[in-house]
Protein backbone atom coordinates (compact mmCIF):
# COMPACT_ATOMS: atom_id res chain seq x y z
CA UNK A 1 20.29 -22.18 -10.03
CA UNK A 2 17.02 -22.81 -8.35
CA UNK A 3 16.32 -20.90 -5.19
CA UNK A 4 12.89 -22.50 -4.92
CA UNK A 5 13.61 -25.84 -3.22
CA UNK A 6 10.62 -28.04 -2.70
CA UNK A 7 12.64 -31.27 -2.19
CA UNK A 8 10.11 -33.41 -4.02
CA UNK A 9 7.96 -33.80 -0.92
CA UNK A 10 5.14 -35.48 -2.80
CA UNK A 11 7.46 -38.20 -4.06
CA UNK A 12 9.32 -38.68 -0.77
CA UNK A 13 6.46 -38.90 1.74
CA UNK A 14 4.25 -41.97 1.69
CA UNK A 15 5.41 -43.13 -1.73
CA UNK A 16 7.79 -45.87 -0.64
CA UNK A 17 5.68 -48.67 0.81
CA UNK A 18 7.13 -51.51 2.84
CA UNK A 19 8.42 -54.24 0.55
CA UNK A 20 6.01 -57.16 0.60
CA UNK A 21 7.31 -60.25 2.43
CA UNK A 22 6.44 -63.86 1.72
CA UNK A 23 3.21 -63.43 3.65
CA UNK A 24 2.06 -60.30 1.74
CA UNK A 25 -1.02 -60.56 -0.41
CA UNK A 26 -1.01 -59.93 -4.15
CA UNK A 27 -3.25 -56.90 -3.45
CA UNK A 28 -0.50 -55.42 -1.24
CA UNK A 29 2.06 -56.06 -3.96
CA UNK A 30 -0.17 -54.42 -6.54
CA UNK A 31 -0.65 -51.40 -4.27
CA UNK A 32 3.10 -51.06 -3.82
CA UNK A 33 3.62 -51.30 -7.57
CA UNK A 34 1.03 -48.58 -8.17
CA UNK A 35 2.69 -46.37 -5.57
CA UNK A 36 6.10 -46.87 -7.14
CA UNK A 37 4.63 -46.01 -10.54
CA UNK A 38 3.12 -42.82 -9.13
CA UNK A 39 6.51 -41.85 -7.70
CA UNK A 40 8.13 -42.40 -11.09
CA UNK A 41 5.55 -40.14 -12.74
CA UNK A 42 6.08 -37.51 -10.05
CA UNK A 43 9.81 -37.48 -10.72
CA UNK A 44 9.20 -36.88 -14.43
CA UNK A 45 9.01 -33.58 -16.28
CA UNK A 46 5.97 -33.83 -18.53
CA UNK A 47 6.24 -30.37 -20.10
CA UNK A 48 10.05 -30.32 -20.34
CA UNK A 49 10.46 -27.01 -18.50
CA UNK A 50 13.18 -28.27 -16.14
CA UNK A 51 10.85 -28.70 -13.15
CA UNK A 52 9.62 -32.14 -12.12
CA UNK A 53 5.90 -32.81 -11.99
CA UNK A 54 6.18 -33.17 -8.20
CA UNK A 55 7.85 -29.78 -7.84
CA UNK A 56 5.15 -28.20 -9.99
CA UNK A 57 2.35 -29.83 -8.00
CA UNK A 58 3.91 -28.51 -4.77
CA UNK A 59 3.93 -25.00 -6.27
CA UNK A 60 0.40 -25.16 -7.70
CA UNK A 61 1.72 -24.82 -11.24
CA UNK A 62 0.68 -26.86 -14.29
CA UNK A 63 3.02 -29.78 -15.11
CA UNK A 64 1.54 -29.84 -18.63
CA UNK A 65 2.31 -26.16 -19.39
CA UNK A 66 5.97 -25.27 -20.01
CA UNK A 67 5.19 -21.57 -19.44
CA UNK A 68 3.74 -22.21 -15.98
CA UNK A 69 6.36 -23.28 -13.45
CA UNK A 70 7.86 -22.22 -10.10
CA UNK A 71 10.00 -19.13 -9.85
CA UNK A 72 13.62 -19.90 -10.60
CA UNK A 73 14.95 -16.91 -8.66
CA UNK A 74 13.83 -15.00 -5.60
CA UNK A 75 12.17 -17.79 -3.58
CA UNK A 76 8.79 -16.12 -4.14
CA UNK A 77 5.67 -17.81 -2.78
CA UNK A 78 2.97 -19.28 -4.99
CA UNK A 79 -0.42 -19.48 -3.33
CA UNK A 80 -3.04 -22.20 -3.94
CA UNK A 81 -5.66 -19.68 -5.12
CA UNK A 82 -3.46 -18.36 -7.95
CA UNK A 83 -5.67 -19.75 -10.72
CA UNK A 84 -9.03 -19.22 -9.01
CA UNK A 85 -9.24 -15.42 -8.68
CA UNK A 86 -12.08 -13.77 -10.62
CA UNK A 87 -11.21 -10.11 -11.16
CA UNK A 88 -13.85 -7.39 -10.98
CA UNK A 89 -12.04 -4.05 -11.16
CA UNK A 90 -9.57 -1.53 -9.79
CA UNK A 91 -11.47 0.36 -7.10
CA UNK A 92 -11.73 -0.41 -3.37
CA UNK A 93 -13.95 -3.43 -2.84
CA UNK A 94 -13.11 -4.89 -6.24
CA UNK A 95 -10.98 -7.97 -6.89
CA UNK A 96 -7.78 -6.80 -8.57
CA UNK A 97 -7.04 -7.93 -12.14
CA UNK A 98 -3.95 -10.01 -12.71
CA UNK A 99 -0.82 -8.71 -14.41
CA UNK A 100 2.58 -10.05 -15.44
CA UNK A 101 5.73 -7.90 -15.20
CA UNK A 102 9.47 -8.65 -15.36
CA UNK A 103 11.45 -8.49 -12.12
CA UNK A 104 15.09 -7.83 -11.22
CA UNK A 105 16.03 -11.33 -12.37
CA UNK A 106 14.34 -10.93 -15.75
CA UNK A 107 11.66 -13.48 -14.92
CA UNK A 108 7.92 -12.76 -15.35
CA UNK A 109 6.10 -12.20 -12.07
CA UNK A 110 2.35 -12.67 -11.81
CA UNK A 111 0.30 -10.69 -9.27
CA UNK A 112 -2.21 -13.46 -8.55
CA UNK A 113 0.57 -15.81 -7.47
CA UNK A 114 0.47 -13.93 -4.14
CA UNK A 115 -3.31 -14.12 -3.70
CA UNK A 116 -3.17 -15.36 -0.09
CA UNK A 117 -0.95 -12.46 0.99
CA UNK A 118 -1.55 -8.83 1.88
CA UNK A 119 0.08 -7.27 -1.16
CA UNK A 120 1.30 -3.69 -1.03
CA UNK A 121 2.20 -2.26 -4.42
CA UNK A 122 4.47 0.76 -4.34
CA UNK A 123 4.19 2.41 -7.76
CA UNK A 124 6.76 5.06 -8.55
CA UNK A 125 9.95 5.97 -10.40
CA UNK A 126 13.58 5.56 -9.49
CA UNK A 127 14.23 9.31 -9.82
CA UNK A 128 11.47 10.11 -7.32
CA UNK A 129 12.78 11.23 -3.91
CA UNK A 130 9.86 9.84 -1.86
CA UNK A 131 10.14 6.57 -3.81
CA UNK A 132 13.78 6.30 -2.75
CA UNK A 133 12.75 6.89 0.87
CA UNK A 134 10.06 4.21 0.58
CA UNK A 135 12.55 1.72 -0.88
CA UNK A 136 14.94 2.38 2.00
CA UNK A 137 12.16 1.35 4.44
CA UNK A 138 10.88 -1.62 2.47
CA UNK A 139 13.26 -4.37 3.60
CA UNK A 140 12.78 -3.50 7.27
CA UNK A 141 9.00 -3.55 6.82
CA UNK A 142 9.12 -6.94 5.14
CA UNK A 143 11.37 -8.37 7.85
CA UNK A 144 8.91 -7.08 10.46
CA UNK A 145 5.61 -7.92 8.75
CA UNK A 146 6.40 -10.89 6.53
CA UNK A 147 4.97 -13.30 9.10
CA UNK A 148 1.75 -11.26 8.99
CA UNK A 149 1.34 -12.06 5.30
CA UNK A 150 2.83 -8.79 4.01
CA UNK A 151 4.19 -9.08 0.46
CA UNK A 152 5.57 -5.91 -1.16
CA UNK A 153 5.87 -5.24 -4.88
CA UNK A 154 8.07 -2.30 -5.84
CA UNK A 155 6.94 -1.14 -9.30
CA UNK A 156 8.53 1.44 -11.60
CA UNK A 157 8.27 2.63 -15.16
CA UNK A 158 11.47 4.70 -15.27
CA UNK A 159 15.05 4.47 -14.08
CA UNK A 160 17.03 7.17 -12.29
CA UNK A 161 17.65 8.99 -15.61
CA UNK A 162 13.97 9.07 -16.57
CA UNK A 163 14.37 6.41 -19.27
CA UNK A 164 12.50 3.11 -19.43
CA UNK A 165 13.85 0.84 -16.70
CA UNK A 166 15.81 -2.26 -17.69
CA UNK A 167 16.45 -5.50 -15.81
CA UNK A 168 19.91 -4.22 -14.75
CA UNK A 169 18.20 -1.06 -13.40
CA UNK A 170 15.80 -3.21 -11.38
CA UNK A 171 18.67 -5.38 -10.11
CA UNK A 172 20.68 -2.31 -9.07
CA UNK A 173 17.69 -0.89 -7.20
CA UNK A 174 17.18 -4.19 -5.38
CA UNK A 175 20.86 -4.32 -4.47
CA UNK A 176 21.00 -0.69 -3.33
CA UNK A 177 18.16 -1.23 -0.86
CA UNK A 178 18.80 -4.90 -0.02
CA UNK A 179 15.41 -5.96 -1.38
CA UNK A 180 14.64 -9.68 -1.46
CA UNK A 181 11.12 -9.17 -2.81
CA UNK A 182 10.08 -8.33 -6.40
CA UNK A 183 11.14 -5.11 -8.10
CA UNK A 184 9.03 -4.88 -11.24
CA UNK A 185 9.03 -2.90 -14.47
CA UNK A 186 5.64 -1.59 -15.66
CA UNK A 187 6.14 -0.16 -19.15
CA UNK A 188 4.76 3.42 -18.99
CA UNK A 189 2.51 2.23 -16.15
CA UNK A 190 0.31 0.27 -18.54
CA UNK A 191 -0.45 -2.39 -15.93
CA UNK A 192 -1.15 0.03 -13.08
CA UNK A 193 -2.56 3.13 -14.84
CA UNK A 194 -6.10 2.43 -13.58
CA UNK A 195 -4.79 2.67 -10.03
CA UNK A 196 -2.67 5.72 -10.78
CA UNK A 197 -5.73 7.54 -12.18
CA UNK A 198 -7.40 7.40 -8.76
CA UNK A 199 -5.01 9.78 -7.04
CA UNK A 200 -2.00 12.02 -7.27
CA UNK A 201 1.56 11.75 -6.07
CA UNK A 202 4.39 9.25 -5.98
CA UNK A 203 4.88 6.71 -4.69
CA UNK A 204 1.33 5.55 -5.26
CA UNK A 205 0.25 2.71 -2.98
CA UNK A 206 -2.29 -0.03 -3.63
CA UNK A 207 -3.12 -2.32 -0.71
CA UNK A 208 -4.68 -5.68 -1.53
CA UNK A 209 -6.10 -8.02 1.11
CA UNK A 210 -5.88 -11.81 0.72
CA UNK A 211 -8.14 -12.82 -2.14
CA UNK A 212 -6.82 -9.81 -4.10
CA UNK A 213 -9.45 -7.45 -2.68
CA UNK A 214 -8.54 -3.81 -3.33
CA UNK A 215 -8.59 -2.21 0.13
CA UNK A 216 -7.31 1.29 -0.55
CA UNK A 217 -5.35 3.36 -3.06
CA UNK A 218 -3.35 6.52 -2.39
CA UNK A 219 -0.19 8.06 -0.99
CA UNK A 220 0.53 6.71 2.48
CA UNK A 221 3.35 6.86 4.99
CA UNK A 222 5.18 3.73 6.07
CA UNK A 223 3.48 3.91 9.47
CA UNK A 224 0.04 4.07 7.84
CA UNK A 225 0.88 1.07 5.67
CA UNK A 226 2.13 -0.88 8.69
CA UNK A 227 -1.13 -0.19 10.54
CA UNK A 228 -3.21 -1.29 7.55
CA UNK A 229 -1.25 -4.52 7.11
CA UNK A 230 -1.71 -5.39 10.79
CA UNK A 231 -5.41 -4.52 10.64
CA UNK A 232 -5.90 -6.81 7.63
CA UNK A 233 -3.95 -9.60 9.36
CA UNK A 234 -6.24 -9.33 12.40
CA UNK A 235 -9.43 -9.90 10.36
């Protein structure tokens, strides 16, 4: 079931020209034929991944790459800059490297897909008391700040028992705290260890401005995060 619904806007808008009447020129007829051909191509699925070429174009994904397609679950955004970010490092002022991690639906989620958002990564563990408190606040923060570009990523290595988290663990966490944004598994913090090394305490927060600029890294309260998101939005 696809929760990303782009309604084939590229094929539906401006692709159905007025049928040529008896007074129409051959050039008009040719133009209409070309437009109809373009619509047919847009409705196709070149890479056979189940998404039409038009849907992929609307999501900035590659219609020739079966591994690159819109998110099937979660209705996550995909920003136009997703393939144009040049990473420089992990410290404030750097451009954050990309990563791919599985979410609560079992689908791979790519950090740079959200490059036009203010991304707040909350890195922790499901057995961590402050991480539980942060998760309880997360949905309310997203509902409040989503229109300001706020996009949270809740990231864990371990489940409530201290074992490696599984997709069902991620799904249970999302359900427990009514999260409609990604809950990700980072195997032994391999993808985020360079951020974790820059401070102590859980949950560890990484705030990225649009363009994937690392703004700050550390342990922050929800109020501090809210203030930083609003400050970035006001730039």
